[in-house]
Amino acid sequence: MKGLIYAGLALVVMGLGFWAYRENYATQASLRDLRGLRAEIAATQAHLDRLNAEWAYLNRPDRLRDLADLNFQRLELMPLMPEAFAGVEQVDIPPAMGAVASSLIVSADPGSSSEEPL
């Protein structure tokens, strides 16, 4: 009977040893994969940083102004001026929203407030 218990315990110890061996190699493989992923993330981040720097370089206002001047005949781009924007009174408002919009415009005017300040 004692021999059977010893044999069973020996099998359990060998099974646990085999399990620990497999877990050790699985953990090492996972750590290798993690190092590879971290290296890939670092390379992608460096590439993204380069792309952001290139985007900022290409979108300099003086460069864009020169490009607009060079291609004026084809694109007819004009610089943004305050006069290019319409005022609120020049916006066409659909009739259904006319009353609501006009009341909002009147209530937004600080000089025409009929309510007392709090």
Protein backbone atom coordinates (compact mmCIF):
# COMPACT_ATOMS: atom_id res chain seq x y z
CA MET A 1 0.00 0.00 0.00
CA LYS A 2 2.86 2.36 0.87
CA GLY A 3 4.48 1.67 -2.50
CA LEU A 4 1.29 2.66 -4.32
CA ILE A 5 1.11 5.97 -2.41
CA TYR A 6 4.80 6.67 -3.12
CA ALA A 7 4.32 5.85 -6.80
CA GLY A 8 1.27 8.17 -6.94
CA LEU A 9 3.16 10.99 -5.24
CA ALA A 10 6.10 10.48 -7.61
CA LEU A 11 3.72 10.75 -10.58
CA VAL A 12 2.16 13.92 -9.12
CA VAL A 13 5.62 15.47 -8.58
CA MET A 14 6.66 14.55 -12.15
CA GLY A 15 3.40 16.00 -13.51
CA LEU A 16 3.93 19.24 -11.59
CA GLY A 17 7.52 19.39 -12.83
CA PHE A 18 6.35 18.92 -16.42
CA TRP A 19 3.67 21.60 -15.95
CA ALA A 20 6.23 24.05 -14.47
CA TYR A 21 8.61 23.34 -17.37
CA ARG A 22 5.91 24.11 -19.94
CA GLU A 23 4.77 27.26 -18.09
CA ASN A 24 8.37 28.49 -17.95
CA TYR A 25 8.78 28.21 -21.72
CA ALA A 26 5.32 29.69 -22.37
CA THR A 27 6.21 32.67 -20.15
CA GLN A 28 9.52 33.17 -21.94
CA ALA A 29 7.73 33.09 -25.32
CA SER A 30 5.20 35.64 -24.07
CA LEU A 31 7.99 37.92 -22.85
CA ARG A 32 9.72 37.63 -26.25
CA ASP A 33 6.45 38.58 -27.96
CA LEU A 34 6.02 41.50 -25.54
CA ARG A 35 9.52 42.79 -26.34
CA GLY A 36 8.74 42.55 -30.05
CA LEU A 37 5.46 44.43 -29.59
CA ARG A 38 7.16 47.14 -27.56
CA ALA A 39 9.81 47.55 -30.26
CA GLU A 40 7.08 47.74 -32.91
CA ILE A 41 5.18 50.35 -30.87
CA ALA A 42 8.35 52.41 -30.45
CA ALA A 43 9.07 52.26 -34.20
CA THR A 44 5.47 53.23 -35.01
CA GLN A 45 5.62 56.12 -32.53
CA ALA A 46 8.88 57.36 -34.07
CA HIS A 47 7.31 57.13 -37.53
CA LEU A 48 4.25 59.04 -36.31
CA ASP A 49 6.49 61.73 -34.81
CA ARG A 50 8.29 62.07 -38.16
CA LEU A 51 4.95 62.34 -39.99
CA ASN A 52 3.72 65.01 -37.55
CA ALA A 53 6.93 67.00 -38.02
CA GLU A 54 6.63 66.71 -41.80
CA TRP A 55 2.97 67.79 -41.63
CA ALA A 56 3.91 70.84 -39.56
CA TYR A 57 6.73 71.67 -41.99
CA LEU A 58 4.48 71.37 -45.05
CA ASN A 59 1.69 73.45 -43.48
CA ARG A 60 3.76 76.51 -42.60
CA PRO A 61 1.70 79.62 -43.35
CA ASP A 62 4.41 81.23 -45.48
CA ARG A 63 4.78 78.07 -47.59
CA LEU A 64 1.02 77.76 -48.07
CA ARG A 65 0.80 81.44 -49.03
CA ASP A 66 3.57 80.93 -51.63
CA LEU A 67 1.80 77.86 -53.02
CA ALA A 68 -1.48 79.76 -53.25
CA ASP A 69 0.32 82.57 -55.10
CA LEU A 70 2.01 80.14 -57.50
CA ASN A 71 -1.28 78.39 -58.30
CA PHE A 72 -3.55 81.43 -58.26
CA GLN A 73 -4.48 81.14 -61.97
CA ARG A 74 -5.64 77.56 -61.55
CA LEU A 75 -7.10 77.57 -58.00
CA GLU A 76 -8.10 81.23 -57.53
CA LEU A 77 -7.51 81.01 -53.78
CA MET A 78 -7.81 84.26 -51.89
CA PRO A 79 -6.49 85.05 -48.41
CA LEU A 80 -9.07 85.03 -45.63
CA MET A 81 -10.16 88.55 -44.80
CA PRO A 82 -12.73 89.66 -42.21
CA GLU A 83 -14.85 91.15 -45.01
CA ALA A 84 -15.25 87.67 -46.54
CA PHE A 85 -17.58 86.56 -43.74
CA ALA A 86 -21.27 87.45 -43.66
CA GLY A 87 -22.97 89.03 -40.70
CA VAL A 88 -25.84 87.36 -38.86
CA GLU A 89 -28.37 89.65 -40.53
CA GLN A 90 -27.22 88.47 -43.98
CA VAL A 91 -27.90 84.77 -43.33
CA ASP A 92 -31.05 83.46 -45.04
CA ILE A 93 -33.29 81.90 -42.40
CA PRO A 94 -36.06 79.49 -43.46
CA PRO A 95 -39.58 80.83 -42.70
CA ALA A 96 -40.37 78.05 -40.23
CA MET A 97 -37.38 78.97 -38.13
CA GLY A 98 -37.61 82.71 -38.68
CA ALA A 99 -39.48 83.53 -35.48
CA VAL A 100 -37.31 81.30 -33.32
CA ALA A 101 -34.09 82.58 -34.87
CA SER A 102 -35.10 86.23 -34.65
CA SER A 103 -36.01 85.81 -30.98
CA LEU A 104 -32.62 84.19 -30.37
CA ILE A 105 -30.86 87.04 -32.15
CA VAL A 106 -32.80 89.64 -30.16
CA SER A 107 -32.14 87.80 -26.87
CA ALA A 108 -28.43 87.50 -27.70
CA ASP A 109 -28.16 91.29 -28.17
CA PRO A 110 -26.81 92.64 -24.83
CA GLY A 111 -28.36 96.08 -25.30
CA SER A 112 -31.93 94.84 -25.82
CA SER A 113 -32.30 92.71 -22.70
CA SER A 114 -35.72 93.16 -21.09
CA GLU A 115 -34.84 91.00 -18.09
CA GLU A 116 -33.21 92.34 -14.99
CA PRO A 117 -29.72 90.99 -14.19
CA LEU A 118 -29.52 88.46 -11.41
